[in-house]
Amino acid sequence: MDPHKKENVPLAQTLRKRMTPEERRMWYDFLKDYPIRFKRQVAIGPYIVDFYCPTVKLVIELDGRQHYTEEGRKNDAERTAYLKENCGIHVIRFKNYQIRDRFSSVCEQIELTVNTYAKPE
């Protein structure tokens, strides 16, 4: 895996303190106490990802308005390709409205994805 850019670490720390309402809900209502450890706002390569589970190499991204533009979609595709091709990390994305309106379905999808990529012991 490519080492993270050291200059991203202070930004990641700031983002942890300034989570969006959707990130806060995902963290405190589901991922914080999840049986497999997740981290929030993690610097990976040149990017900072919303949530990362190193055990199953899974990134969860929560997408707000800026992701709906053509440039946002292009940037997301580049980020996803980088994480997959250079780091072997799977990425799943949810729109903010899904966190607000369909939280239990989002949690079920995360659970299914974790189980898909988890290695049997």
PDB file of N, CA and C in Angstrom:
ATOM      1  N   MET A   1       0.851  -1.175   0.000  1.00  0.00           N
ATOM      2  CA  MET A   1       0.000   0.000   0.000  1.00  0.00           C
ATOM      3  C   MET A   1       0.895   1.236   0.000  1.00  0.00           C
ATOM      4  N   ASP A   2       0.509   2.234  -0.769  1.00  0.00           N
ATOM      5  CA  ASP A   2       1.267   3.482  -0.793  1.00  0.00           C
ATOM      6  C   ASP A   2       1.146   4.182   0.551  1.00  0.00           C
ATOM      7  N   PRO A   3       2.245   4.760   1.040  1.00  0.00           N
ATOM      8  CA  PRO A   3       2.158   5.505   2.294  1.00  0.00           C
ATOM      9  C   PRO A   3       1.312   6.771   2.092  1.00  0.00           C
ATOM     10  N   HIS A   4       0.680   7.178   3.177  1.00  0.00           N
ATOM     11  CA  HIS A   4      -0.140   8.387   3.063  1.00  0.00           C
ATOM     12  C   HIS A   4       0.759   9.622   3.009  1.00  0.00           C
ATOM     13  N   LYS A   5       0.169  10.676   2.482  1.00  0.00           N
ATOM     14  CA  LYS A   5       0.889  11.954   2.472  1.00  0.00           C
ATOM     15  C   LYS A   5       0.840  12.523   3.882  1.00  0.00           C
ATOM     16  N   LYS A   6       2.003  12.801   4.443  1.00  0.00           N
ATOM     17  CA  LYS A   6       2.059  13.281   5.820  1.00  0.00           C
ATOM     18  C   LYS A   6       1.305  14.596   6.008  1.00  0.00           C
ATOM     19  N   GLU A   7       1.254  15.395   4.956  1.00  0.00           N
ATOM     20  CA  GLU A   7       0.539  16.670   5.087  1.00  0.00           C
ATOM     21  C   GLU A   7      -0.973  16.470   5.220  1.00  0.00           C
ATOM     22  N   ASN A   8      -1.482  15.277   4.907  1.00  0.00           N
ATOM     23  CA  ASN A   8      -2.915  15.003   5.058  1.00  0.00           C
ATOM     24  C   ASN A   8      -3.306  14.641   6.490  1.00  0.00           C
ATOM     25  N   VAL A   9      -2.351  14.269   7.308  1.00  0.00           N
ATOM     26  CA  VAL A   9      -2.667  13.824   8.669  1.00  0.00           C
ATOM     27  C   VAL A   9      -3.339  14.930   9.495  1.00  0.00           C
ATOM     28  N   PRO A  10      -2.810  16.170   9.526  1.00  0.00           N
ATOM     29  CA  PRO A  10      -3.514  17.210  10.295  1.00  0.00           C
ATOM     30  C   PRO A  10      -4.927  17.481   9.771  1.00  0.00           C
ATOM     31  N   LEU A  11      -5.098  17.421   8.451  1.00  0.00           N
ATOM     32  CA  LEU A  11      -6.438  17.618   7.884  1.00  0.00           C
ATOM     33  C   LEU A  11      -7.367  16.489   8.318  1.00  0.00           C
ATOM     34  N   ALA A  12      -6.878  15.257   8.301  1.00  0.00           N
ATOM     35  CA  ALA A  12      -7.693  14.118   8.744  1.00  0.00           C
ATOM     36  C   ALA A  12      -8.104  14.298  10.206  1.00  0.00           C
ATOM     37  N   GLN A  13      -7.191  14.769  11.039  1.00  0.00           N
ATOM     38  CA  GLN A  13      -7.504  15.004  12.453  1.00  0.00           C
ATOM     39  C   GLN A  13      -8.582  16.070  12.595  1.00  0.00           C
ATOM     40  N   THR A  14      -8.480  17.127  11.791  1.00  0.00           N
ATOM     41  CA  THR A  14      -9.492  18.184  11.820  1.00  0.00           C
ATOM     42  C   THR A  14     -10.842  17.649  11.370  1.00  0.00           C
ATOM     43  N   LEU A  15     -10.847  16.843  10.313  1.00  0.00           N
ATOM     44  CA  LEU A  15     -12.104  16.287   9.808  1.00  0.00           C
ATOM     45  C   LEU A  15     -12.765  15.374  10.838  1.00  0.00           C
ATOM     46  N   ARG A  16     -11.985  14.682  11.654  1.00  0.00           N
ATOM     47  CA  ARG A  16     -12.550  13.843  12.707  1.00  0.00           C
ATOM     48  C   ARG A  16     -13.316  14.694  13.719  1.00  0.00           C
ATOM     49  N   LYS A  17     -12.819  15.886  13.957  1.00  0.00           N
ATOM     50  CA  LYS A  17     -13.472  16.789  14.918  1.00  0.00           C
ATOM     51  C   LYS A  17     -14.686  17.483  14.317  1.00  0.00           C
ATOM     52  N   ARG A  18     -14.731  17.581  12.993  1.00  0.00           N
ATOM     53  CA  ARG A  18     -15.797  18.334  12.307  1.00  0.00           C
ATOM     54  C   ARG A  18     -16.619  17.435  11.391  1.00  0.00           C
ATOM     55  N   MET A  19     -17.033  16.297  11.906  1.00  0.00           N
ATOM     56  CA  MET A  19     -17.811  15.367  11.091  1.00  0.00           C
ATOM     57  C   MET A  19     -19.143  15.986  10.687  1.00  0.00           C
ATOM     58  N   THR A  20     -19.605  15.604   9.503  1.00  0.00           N
ATOM     59  CA  THR A  20     -20.939  16.018   9.073  1.00  0.00           C
ATOM     60  C   THR A  20     -21.965  15.275   9.927  1.00  0.00           C
ATOM     61  N   PRO A  21     -23.211  15.725   9.944  1.00  0.00           N
ATOM     62  CA  PRO A  21     -24.231  14.990  10.711  1.00  0.00           C
ATOM     63  C   PRO A  21     -24.348  13.529  10.267  1.00  0.00           C
ATOM     64  N   GLU A  22     -24.219  13.281   8.977  1.00  0.00           N
ATOM     65  CA  GLU A  22     -24.328  11.914   8.459  1.00  0.00           C
ATOM     66  C   GLU A  22     -23.134  11.059   8.903  1.00  0.00           C
ATOM     67  N   GLU A  23     -21.928  11.642   8.854  1.00  0.00           N
ATOM     68  CA  GLU A  23     -20.739  10.924   9.327  1.00  0.00           C
ATOM     69  C   GLU A  23     -20.860  10.639  10.824  1.00  0.00           C
ATOM     70  N   ARG A  24     -21.343  11.608  11.559  1.00  0.00           N
ATOM     71  CA  ARG A  24     -21.508  11.450  13.007  1.00  0.00           C
ATOM     72  C   ARG A  24     -22.483  10.304  13.309  1.00  0.00           C
ATOM     73  N   ARG A  25     -23.595  10.278  12.577  1.00  0.00           N
ATOM     74  CA  ARG A  25     -24.577   9.211  12.797  1.00  0.00           C
ATOM     75  C   ARG A  25     -23.974   7.854  12.457  1.00  0.00           C
ATOM     76  N   MET A  26     -23.299   7.764  11.309  1.00  0.00           N
ATOM     77  CA  MET A  26     -22.706   6.493  10.901  1.00  0.00           C
ATOM     78  C   MET A  26     -21.695   6.022  11.947  1.00  0.00           C
ATOM     79  N   TRP A  27     -20.885   6.947  12.447  1.00  0.00           N
ATOM     80  CA  TRP A  27     -19.857   6.576  13.412  1.00  0.00           C
ATOM     81  C   TRP A  27     -20.459   6.173  14.753  1.00  0.00           C
ATOM     82  N   TYR A  28     -21.233   7.047  15.351  1.00  0.00           N
ATOM     83  CA  TYR A  28     -21.703   6.814  16.715  1.00  0.00           C
ATOM     84  C   TYR A  28     -22.838   5.803  16.801  1.00  0.00           C
ATOM     85  N   ASP A  29     -23.637   5.684  15.745  1.00  0.00           N
ATOM     86  CA  ASP A  29     -24.775   4.768  15.795  1.00  0.00           C
ATOM     87  C   ASP A  29     -24.492   3.402  15.174  1.00  0.00           C
ATOM     88  N   PHE A  30     -23.309   3.229  14.546  1.00  0.00           N
ATOM     89  CA  PHE A  30     -23.053   1.925  13.930  1.00  0.00           C
ATOM     90  C   PHE A  30     -21.581   1.498  13.965  1.00  0.00           C
ATOM     91  N   LEU A  31     -20.692   2.284  13.389  1.00  0.00           N
ATOM     92  CA  LEU A  31     -19.322   1.819  13.174  1.00  0.00           C
ATOM     93  C   LEU A  31     -18.425   1.853  14.407  1.00  0.00           C
ATOM     94  N   LYS A  32     -18.646   2.782  15.299  1.00  0.00           N
ATOM     95  CA  LYS A  32     -17.759   2.938  16.461  1.00  0.00           C
ATOM     96  C   LYS A  32     -17.658   1.652  17.272  1.00  0.00           C
ATOM     97  N   ASP A  33     -18.755   0.972  17.464  1.00  0.00           N
ATOM     98  CA  ASP A  33     -18.778  -0.251  18.267  1.00  0.00           C
ATOM     99  C   ASP A  33     -18.950  -1.503  17.421  1.00  0.00           C
ATOM    100  N   TYR A  34     -18.674  -1.398  16.134  1.00  0.00           N
ATOM    101  CA  TYR A  34     -18.797  -2.546  15.239  1.00  0.00           C
ATOM    102  C   TYR A  34     -17.778  -3.605  15.668  1.00  0.00           C
ATOM    103  N   PRO A  35     -18.115  -4.902  15.561  1.00  0.00           N
ATOM    104  CA  PRO A  35     -17.204  -5.954  16.026  1.00  0.00           C
ATOM    105  C   PRO A  35     -15.842  -5.974  15.327  1.00  0.00           C
ATOM    106  N   ILE A  36     -15.788  -5.542  14.086  1.00  0.00           N
ATOM    107  CA  ILE A  36     -14.512  -5.422  13.381  1.00  0.00           C
ATOM    108  C   ILE A  36     -14.178  -3.934  13.354  1.00  0.00           C
ATOM    109  N   ARG A  37     -12.963  -3.583  13.716  1.00  0.00           N
ATOM    110  CA  ARG A  37     -12.594  -2.177  13.908  1.00  0.00           C
ATOM    111  C   ARG A  37     -12.629  -1.361  12.620  1.00  0.00           C
ATOM    112  N   PHE A  38     -13.297  -0.229  12.691  1.00  0.00           N
ATOM    113  CA  PHE A  38     -13.274   0.799  11.655  1.00  0.00           C
ATOM    114  C   PHE A  38     -12.558   2.017  12.215  1.00  0.00           C
ATOM    115  N   LYS A  39     -11.928   2.763  11.337  1.00  0.00           N
ATOM    116  CA  LYS A  39     -11.305   4.043  11.682  1.00  0.00           C
ATOM    117  C   LYS A  39     -12.025   5.114  10.882  1.00  0.00           C
ATOM    118  N   ARG A  40     -11.975   6.349  11.378  1.00  0.00           N
ATOM    119  CA  ARG A  40     -12.637   7.436  10.648  1.00  0.00           C
ATOM    120  C   ARG A  40     -11.616   8.460  10.184  1.00  0.00           C
ATOM    121  N   GLN A  41     -11.913   9.042   9.016  1.00  0.00           N
ATOM    122  CA  GLN A  41     -11.065  10.067   8.410  1.00  0.00           C
ATOM    123  C   GLN A  41      -9.607   9.625   8.400  1.00  0.00           C
ATOM    124  N   VAL A  42      -9.319   8.671   7.528  1.00  0.00           N
ATOM    125  CA  VAL A  42      -7.992   8.063   7.461  1.00  0.00           C
ATOM    126  C   VAL A  42      -7.283   8.504   6.186  1.00  0.00           C
ATOM    127  N   ALA A  43      -6.025   8.905   6.324  1.00  0.00           N
ATOM    128  CA  ALA A  43      -5.199   9.250   5.165  1.00  0.00           C
ATOM    129  C   ALA A  43      -4.677   7.958   4.543  1.00  0.00           C
ATOM    130  N   ILE A  44      -5.032   7.740   3.267  1.00  0.00           N
ATOM    131  CA  ILE A  44      -4.542   6.589   2.508  1.00  0.00           C
ATOM    132  C   ILE A  44      -4.023   7.139   1.185  1.00  0.00           C
ATOM    133  N   GLY A  45      -2.737   6.950   0.939  1.00  0.00           N
ATOM    134  CA  GLY A  45      -2.150   7.527  -0.266  1.00  0.00           C
ATOM    135  C   GLY A  45      -2.393   9.026  -0.268  1.00  0.00           C
ATOM    136  N   PRO A  46      -2.829   9.576  -1.401  1.00  0.00           N
ATOM    137  CA  PRO A  46      -3.070  11.016  -1.472  1.00  0.00           C
ATOM    138  C   PRO A  46      -4.461  11.430  -0.981  1.00  0.00           C
ATOM    139  N   TYR A  47      -5.235  10.501  -0.450  1.00  0.00           N
ATOM    140  CA  TYR A  47      -6.637  10.764  -0.105  1.00  0.00           C
ATOM    141  C   TYR A  47      -6.885  10.644   1.396  1.00  0.00           C
ATOM    142  N   ILE A  48      -8.006  11.227   1.818  1.00  0.00           N
ATOM    143  CA  ILE A  48      -8.535  11.005   3.154  1.00  0.00           C
ATOM    144  C   ILE A  48      -9.902  10.374   2.950  1.00  0.00           C
ATOM    145  N   VAL A  49     -10.073   9.169   3.490  1.00  0.00           N
ATOM    146  CA  VAL A  49     -11.333   8.453   3.321  1.00  0.00           C
ATOM    147  C   VAL A  49     -12.196   8.640   4.557  1.00  0.00           C
ATOM    148  N   ASP A  50     -13.508   8.528   4.394  1.00  0.00           N
ATOM    149  CA  ASP A  50     -14.416   8.743   5.516  1.00  0.00           C
ATOM    150  C   ASP A  50     -14.246   7.674   6.592  1.00  0.00           C
ATOM    151  N   PHE A  51     -14.381   6.399   6.201  1.00  0.00           N
ATOM    152  CA  PHE A  51     -14.260   5.296   7.153  1.00  0.00           C
ATOM    153  C   PHE A  51     -13.461   4.174   6.502  1.00  0.00           C
ATOM    154  N   TYR A  52     -12.597   3.548   7.294  1.00  0.00           N
ATOM    155  CA  TYR A  52     -11.752   2.482   6.753  1.00  0.00           C
ATOM    156  C   TYR A  52     -11.665   1.325   7.735  1.00  0.00           C
ATOM    157  N   CYS A  53     -11.849   0.121   7.217  1.00  0.00           N
ATOM    158  CA  CYS A  53     -11.687  -1.100   7.991  1.00  0.00           C
ATOM    159  C   CYS A  53     -10.491  -1.853   7.427  1.00  0.00           C
ATOM    160  N   PRO A  54      -9.324  -1.762   8.092  1.00  0.00           N
ATOM    161  CA  PRO A  54      -8.132  -2.424   7.563  1.00  0.00           C
ATOM    162  C   PRO A  54      -8.244  -3.947   7.538  1.00  0.00           C
ATOM    163  N   THR A  55      -9.014  -4.524   8.436  1.00  0.00           N
ATOM    164  CA  THR A  55      -9.148  -5.979   8.496  1.00  0.00           C
ATOM    165  C   THR A  55      -9.689  -6.558   7.194  1.00  0.00           C
ATOM    166  N   VAL A  56     -10.683  -5.882   6.604  1.00  0.00           N
ATOM    167  CA  VAL A  56     -11.284  -6.384   5.361  1.00  0.00           C
ATOM    168  C   VAL A  56     -10.964  -5.492   4.162  1.00  0.00           C
ATOM    169  N   LYS A  57     -10.094  -4.492   4.389  1.00  0.00           N
ATOM    170  CA  LYS A  57      -9.693  -3.557   3.324  1.00  0.00           C
ATOM    171  C   LYS A  57     -10.930  -2.955   2.644  1.00  0.00           C
ATOM    172  N   LEU A  58     -11.735  -2.289   3.458  1.00  0.00           N
ATOM    173  CA  LEU A  58     -12.985  -1.691   2.993  1.00  0.00           C
ATOM    174  C   LEU A  58     -13.047  -0.225   3.389  1.00  0.00           C
ATOM    175  N   VAL A  59     -13.367   0.612   2.417  1.00  0.00           N
ATOM    176  CA  VAL A  59     -13.606   2.032   2.651  1.00  0.00           C
ATOM    177  C   VAL A  59     -15.094   2.300   2.468  1.00  0.00           C
ATOM    178  N   ILE A  60     -15.655   3.088   3.372  1.00  0.00           N
ATOM    179  CA  ILE A  60     -17.035   3.558   3.249  1.00  0.00           C
ATOM    180  C   ILE A  60     -16.972   5.054   3.064  1.00  0.00           C
ATOM    181  N   GLU A  61     -17.551   5.521   1.975  1.00  0.00           N
ATOM    182  CA  GLU A  61     -17.601   6.952   1.671  1.00  0.00           C
ATOM    183  C   GLU A  61     -19.040   7.427   1.742  1.00  0.00           C
ATOM    184  N   LEU A  62     -19.261   8.573   2.376  1.00  0.00           N
ATOM    185  CA  LEU A  62     -20.572   9.204   2.431  1.00  0.00           C
ATOM    186  C   LEU A  62     -20.528  10.427   1.534  1.00  0.00           C
ATOM    187  N   ASP A  63     -21.424  10.469   0.581  1.00  0.00           N
ATOM    188  CA  ASP A  63     -21.376  11.489  -0.464  1.00  0.00           C
ATOM    189  C   ASP A  63     -22.439  12.567  -0.292  1.00  0.00           C
ATOM    190  N   GLY A  64     -21.971  13.795  -0.180  1.00  0.00           N
ATOM    191  CA  GLY A  64     -22.852  14.961  -0.149  1.00  0.00           C
ATOM    192  C   GLY A  64     -22.987  15.561  -1.536  1.00  0.00           C
ATOM    193  N   ARG A  65     -23.536  16.771  -1.597  1.00  0.00           N
ATOM    194  CA  ARG A  65     -23.830  17.441  -2.873  1.00  0.00           C
ATOM    195  C   ARG A  65     -22.655  17.536  -3.827  1.00  0.00           C
ATOM    196  N   GLN A  66     -21.468  17.811  -3.303  1.00  0.00           N
ATOM    197  CA  GLN A  66     -20.305  18.022  -4.166  1.00  0.00           C
ATOM    198  C   GLN A  66     -19.978  16.786  -4.993  1.00  0.00           C
ATOM    199  N   HIS A  67     -20.469  15.641  -4.599  1.00  0.00           N
ATOM    200  CA  HIS A  67     -20.199  14.403  -5.327  1.00  0.00           C
ATOM    201  C   HIS A  67     -21.138  14.211  -6.522  1.00  0.00           C
ATOM    202  N   TYR A  68     -22.172  15.032  -6.632  1.00  0.00           N
ATOM    203  CA  TYR A  68     -23.160  14.864  -7.698  1.00  0.00           C
ATOM    204  C   TYR A  68     -22.785  15.599  -8.974  1.00  0.00           C
ATOM    205  N   THR A  69     -21.777  16.455  -8.917  1.00  0.00           N
ATOM    206  CA  THR A  69     -21.360  17.191 -10.106  1.00  0.00           C
ATOM    207  C   THR A  69     -20.514  16.288 -10.997  1.00  0.00           C
ATOM    208  N   GLU A  70     -20.324  16.705 -12.230  1.00  0.00           N
ATOM    209  CA  GLU A  70     -19.484  15.935 -13.147  1.00  0.00           C
ATOM    210  C   GLU A  70     -18.063  15.816 -12.594  1.00  0.00           C
ATOM    211  N   GLU A  71     -17.535  16.914 -12.084  1.00  0.00           N
ATOM    212  CA  GLU A  71     -16.190  16.895 -11.509  1.00  0.00           C
ATOM    213  C   GLU A  71     -16.134  16.001 -10.274  1.00  0.00           C
ATOM    214  N   GLY A  72     -17.170  16.069  -9.446  1.00  0.00           N
ATOM    215  CA  GLY A  72     -17.225  15.230  -8.253  1.00  0.00           C
ATOM    216  C   GLY A  72     -17.246  13.756  -8.599  1.00  0.00           C
ATOM    217  N   ARG A  73     -18.049  13.379  -9.597  1.00  0.00           N
ATOM    218  CA  ARG A  73     -18.105  11.974 -10.022  1.00  0.00           C
ATOM    219  C   ARG A  73     -16.766  11.518 -10.589  1.00  0.00           C
ATOM    220  N   LYS A  74     -16.105  12.408 -11.335  1.00  0.00           N
ATOM    221  CA  LYS A  74     -14.789  12.076 -11.904  1.00  0.00           C
ATOM    222  C   LYS A  74     -13.771  11.862 -10.782  1.00  0.00           C
ATOM    223  N   ASN A  75     -13.752  12.776  -9.816  1.00  0.00           N
ATOM    224  CA  ASN A  75     -12.823  12.649  -8.684  1.00  0.00           C
ATOM    225  C   ASN A  75     -13.080  11.370  -7.886  1.00  0.00           C
ATOM    226  N   ASP A  76     -14.364  11.052  -7.680  1.00  0.00           N
ATOM    227  CA  ASP A  76     -14.710   9.830  -6.954  1.00  0.00           C
ATOM    228  C   ASP A  76     -14.231   8.590  -7.701  1.00  0.00           C
ATOM    229  N   ALA A  77     -14.400   8.587  -9.023  1.00  0.00           N
ATOM    230  CA  ALA A  77     -13.954   7.446  -9.833  1.00  0.00           C
ATOM    231  C   ALA A  77     -12.437   7.290  -9.752  1.00  0.00           C
ATOM    232  N   GLU A  78     -11.713   8.400  -9.793  1.00  0.00           N
ATOM    233  CA  GLU A  78     -10.250   8.349  -9.689  1.00  0.00           C
ATOM    234  C   GLU A  78      -9.821   7.827  -8.313  1.00  0.00           C
ATOM    235  N   ARG A  79     -10.483   8.300  -7.273  1.00  0.00           N
ATOM    236  CA  ARG A  79     -10.168   7.868  -5.905  1.00  0.00           C
ATOM    237  C   ARG A  79     -10.441   6.370  -5.750  1.00  0.00           C
ATOM    238  N   THR A  80     -11.589   5.928  -6.214  1.00  0.00           N
ATOM    239  CA  THR A  80     -11.948   4.513  -6.116  1.00  0.00           C
ATOM    240  C   THR A  80     -10.951   3.650  -6.876  1.00  0.00           C
ATOM    241  N   ALA A  81     -10.591   4.071  -8.082  1.00  0.00           N
ATOM    242  CA  ALA A  81      -9.629   3.315  -8.895  1.00  0.00           C
ATOM    243  C   ALA A  81      -8.269   3.252  -8.191  1.00  0.00           C
ATOM    244  N   TYR A  82      -7.828   4.367  -7.648  1.00  0.00           N
ATOM    245  CA  TYR A  82      -6.540   4.390  -6.935  1.00  0.00           C
ATOM    246  C   TYR A  82      -6.562   3.409  -5.764  1.00  0.00           C
ATOM    247  N   LEU A  83      -7.595   3.486  -4.940  1.00  0.00           N
ATOM    248  CA  LEU A  83      -7.668   2.636  -3.756  1.00  0.00           C
ATOM    249  C   LEU A  83      -7.713   1.161  -4.136  1.00  0.00           C
ATOM    250  N   LYS A  84      -8.454   0.825  -5.186  1.00  0.00           N
ATOM    251  CA  LYS A  84      -8.565  -0.571  -5.613  1.00  0.00           C
ATOM    252  C   LYS A  84      -7.268  -1.066  -6.247  1.00  0.00           C
ATOM    253  N   GLU A  85      -6.757  -0.302  -7.209  1.00  0.00           N
ATOM    254  CA  GLU A  85      -5.603  -0.753  -7.992  1.00  0.00           C
ATOM    255  C   GLU A  85      -4.290  -0.679  -7.222  1.00  0.00           C
ATOM    256  N   ASN A  86      -4.103   0.341  -6.419  1.00  0.00           N
ATOM    257  CA  ASN A  86      -2.833   0.533  -5.720  1.00  0.00           C
ATOM    258  C   ASN A  86      -2.800  -0.036  -4.309  1.00  0.00           C
ATOM    259  N   CYS A  87      -3.974  -0.168  -3.703  1.00  0.00           N
ATOM    260  CA  CYS A  87      -4.007  -0.578  -2.298  1.00  0.00           C
ATOM    261  C   CYS A  87      -4.828  -1.840  -2.057  1.00  0.00           C
ATOM    262  N   GLY A  88      -5.542  -2.314  -3.075  1.00  0.00           N
ATOM    263  CA  GLY A  88      -6.384  -3.503  -2.909  1.00  0.00           C
ATOM    264  C   GLY A  88      -7.566  -3.269  -1.987  1.00  0.00           C
ATOM    265  N   ILE A  89      -8.047  -2.030  -1.936  1.00  0.00           N
ATOM    266  CA  ILE A  89      -9.138  -1.657  -1.034  1.00  0.00           C
ATOM    267  C   ILE A  89     -10.440  -1.558  -1.820  1.00  0.00           C
ATOM    268  N   HIS A  90     -11.489  -2.137  -1.260  1.00  0.00           N
ATOM    269  CA  HIS A  90     -12.833  -2.036  -1.836  1.00  0.00           C
ATOM    270  C   HIS A  90     -13.486  -0.767  -1.299  1.00  0.00           C
ATOM    271  N   VAL A  91     -14.295  -0.121  -2.141  1.00  0.00           N
ATOM    272  CA  VAL A  91     -14.965   1.123  -1.755  1.00  0.00           C
ATOM    273  C   VAL A  91     -16.464   0.958  -1.960  1.00  0.00           C
ATOM    274  N   ILE A  92     -17.235   1.316  -0.941  1.00  0.00           N
ATOM    275  CA  ILE A  92     -18.683   1.427  -1.115  1.00  0.00           C
ATOM    276  C   ILE A  92     -19.079   2.847  -0.759  1.00  0.00           C
ATOM    277  N   ARG A  93     -20.083   3.344  -1.461  1.00  0.00           N
ATOM    278  CA  ARG A  93     -20.511   4.732  -1.297  1.00  0.00           C
ATOM    279  C   ARG A  93     -21.998   4.784  -0.968  1.00  0.00           C
ATOM    280  N   PHE A  94     -22.321   5.747  -0.117  1.00  0.00           N
ATOM    281  CA  PHE A  94     -23.714   6.014   0.205  1.00  0.00           C
ATOM    282  C   PHE A  94     -23.938   7.513   0.118  1.00  0.00           C
ATOM    283  N   LYS A  95     -25.087   7.875  -0.373  1.00  0.00           N
ATOM    284  CA  LYS A  95     -25.465   9.285  -0.431  1.00  0.00           C
ATOM    285  C   LYS A  95     -25.960   9.701   0.957  1.00  0.00           C
ATOM    286  N   ASN A  96     -25.747  10.965   1.280  1.00  0.00           N
ATOM    287  CA  ASN A  96     -26.151  11.454   2.603  1.00  0.00           C
ATOM    288  C   ASN A  96     -27.618  11.185   2.893  1.00  0.00           C
ATOM    289  N   TYR A  97     -28.489  11.325   1.884  1.00  0.00           N
ATOM    290  CA  TYR A  97     -29.912  11.108   2.138  1.00  0.00           C
ATOM    291  C   TYR A  97     -30.182   9.655   2.544  1.00  0.00           C
ATOM    292  N   GLN A  98     -29.346   8.722   2.073  1.00  0.00           N
ATOM    293  CA  GLN A  98     -29.526   7.329   2.482  1.00  0.00           C
ATOM    294  C   GLN A  98     -29.232   7.160   3.973  1.00  0.00           C
ATOM    295  N   ILE A  99     -28.254   7.887   4.468  1.00  0.00           N
ATOM    296  CA  ILE A  99     -27.935   7.823   5.900  1.00  0.00           C
ATOM    297  C   ILE A  99     -29.096   8.392   6.702  1.00  0.00           C
ATOM    298  N   ARG A 100     -29.668   9.478   6.225  1.00  0.00           N
ATOM    299  CA  ARG A 100     -30.789  10.115   6.934  1.00  0.00           C
ATOM    300  C   ARG A 100     -32.075   9.294   6.841  1.00  0.00           C
ATOM    301  N   ASP A 101     -32.397   8.771   5.640  1.00  0.00           N
ATOM    302  CA  ASP A 101     -33.714   8.184   5.394  1.00  0.00           C
ATOM    303  C   ASP A 101     -33.761   6.660   5.393  1.00  0.00           C
ATOM    304  N   ARG A 102     -32.620   6.021   5.192  1.00  0.00           N
ATOM    305  CA  ARG A 102     -32.597   4.554   5.062  1.00  0.00           C
ATOM    306  C   ARG A 102     -31.438   3.954   5.858  1.00  0.00           C
ATOM    307  N   PHE A 103     -31.257   4.445   7.052  1.00  0.00           N
ATOM    308  CA  PHE A 103     -30.084   4.086   7.838  1.00  0.00           C
ATOM    309  C   PHE A 103     -29.964   2.579   8.062  1.00  0.00           C
ATOM    310  N   SER A 104     -31.054   1.924   8.422  1.00  0.00           N
ATOM    311  CA  SER A 104     -30.967   0.484   8.695  1.00  0.00           C
ATOM    312  C   SER A 104     -30.588  -0.298   7.436  1.00  0.00           C
ATOM    313  N   SER A 105     -31.064   0.114   6.277  1.00  0.00           N
ATOM    314  CA  SER A 105     -30.695  -0.544   5.018  1.00  0.00           C
ATOM    315  C   SER A 105     -29.215  -0.346   4.712  1.00  0.00           C
ATOM    316  N   VAL A 106     -28.710   0.846   4.975  1.00  0.00           N
ATOM    317  CA  VAL A 106     -27.285   1.129   4.775  1.00  0.00           C
ATOM    318  C   VAL A 106     -26.452   0.226   5.691  1.00  0.00           C
ATOM    319  N   CYS A 107     -26.846   0.111   6.940  1.00  0.00           N
ATOM    320  CA  CYS A 107     -26.119  -0.737   7.891  1.00  0.00           C
ATOM    321  C   CYS A 107     -26.139  -2.193   7.444  1.00  0.00           C
ATOM    322  N   GLU A 108     -27.266  -2.646   6.940  1.00  0.00           N
ATOM    323  CA  GLU A 108     -27.351  -4.022   6.426  1.00  0.00           C
ATOM    324  C   GLU A 108     -26.409  -4.220   5.246  1.00  0.00           C
ATOM    325  N   GLN A 109     -26.339  -3.234   4.351  1.00  0.00           N
ATOM    326  CA  GLN A 109     -25.446  -3.339   3.195  1.00  0.00           C
ATOM    327  C   GLN A 109     -23.982  -3.378   3.635  1.00  0.00           C
ATOM    328  N   ILE A 110     -23.634  -2.575   4.626  1.00  0.00           N
ATOM    329  CA  ILE A 110     -22.267  -2.593   5.153  1.00  0.00           C
ATOM    330  C   ILE A 110     -21.966  -3.963   5.748  1.00  0.00           C
ATOM    331  N   GLU A 111     -22.891  -4.495   6.522  1.00  0.00           N
ATOM    332  CA  GLU A 111     -22.713  -5.816   7.135  1.00  0.00           C
ATOM    333  C   GLU A 111     -22.494  -6.894   6.062  1.00  0.00           C
ATOM    334  N   LEU A 112     -23.292  -6.864   5.022  1.00  0.00           N
ATOM    335  CA  LEU A 112     -23.131  -7.827   3.920  1.00  0.00           C
ATOM    336  C   LEU A 112     -21.770  -7.678   3.243  1.00  0.00           C
ATOM    337  N   THR A 113     -21.363  -6.445   3.032  1.00  0.00           N
ATOM    338  CA  THR A 113     -20.084  -6.196   2.371  1.00  0.00           C
ATOM    339  C   THR A 113     -18.919  -6.654   3.244  1.00  0.00           C
ATOM    340  N   VAL A 114     -18.964  -6.348   4.523  1.00  0.00           N
ATOM    341  CA  VAL A 114     -17.912  -6.801   5.454  1.00  0.00           C
ATOM    342  C   VAL A 114     -17.835  -8.327   5.424  1.00  0.00           C
ATOM    343  N   ASN A 115     -18.990  -8.984   5.488  1.00  0.00           N
ATOM    344  CA  ASN A 115     -19.002 -10.449   5.487  1.00  0.00           C
ATOM    345  C   ASN A 115     -18.472 -11.019   4.171  1.00  0.00           C
ATOM    346  N   THR A 116     -18.695 -10.322   3.078  1.00  0.00           N
ATOM    347  CA  THR A 116     -18.204 -10.763   1.779  1.00  0.00           C
ATOM    348  C   THR A 116     -16.676 -10.741   1.737  1.00  0.00           C
ATOM    349  N   TYR A 117     -16.072  -9.701   2.291  1.00  0.00           N
ATOM    350  CA  TYR A 117     -14.620  -9.530   2.198  1.00  0.00           C
ATOM    351  C   TYR A 117     -13.851 -10.067   3.401  1.00  0.00           C
ATOM    352  N   ALA A 118     -14.542 -10.437   4.465  1.00  0.00           N
ATOM    353  CA  ALA A 118     -13.867 -10.975   5.652  1.00  0.00           C
ATOM    354  C   ALA A 118     -13.290 -12.351   5.323  1.00  0.00           C
ATOM    355  N   LYS A 119     -12.101 -12.580   5.792  1.00  0.00           N
ATOM    356  CA  LYS A 119     -11.451 -13.882   5.567  1.00  0.00           C
ATOM    357  C   LYS A 119     -11.902 -14.848   6.660  1.00  0.00           C
ATOM    358  N   PRO A 120     -12.288 -16.062   6.270  1.00  0.00           N
ATOM    359  CA  PRO A 120     -12.683 -17.029   7.296  1.00  0.00           C
ATOM    360  C   PRO A 120     -11.498 -17.378   8.202  1.00  0.00           C
ATOM    361  N   GLU A 121     -11.784 -17.552   9.471  1.00  0.00           N
ATOM    362  CA  GLU A 121     -10.707 -17.865  10.427  1.00  0.00           C
ATOM    363  C   GLU A 121     -10.556 -19.351  10.615  1.00  0.00           C
TER     364      GLU A 121
END
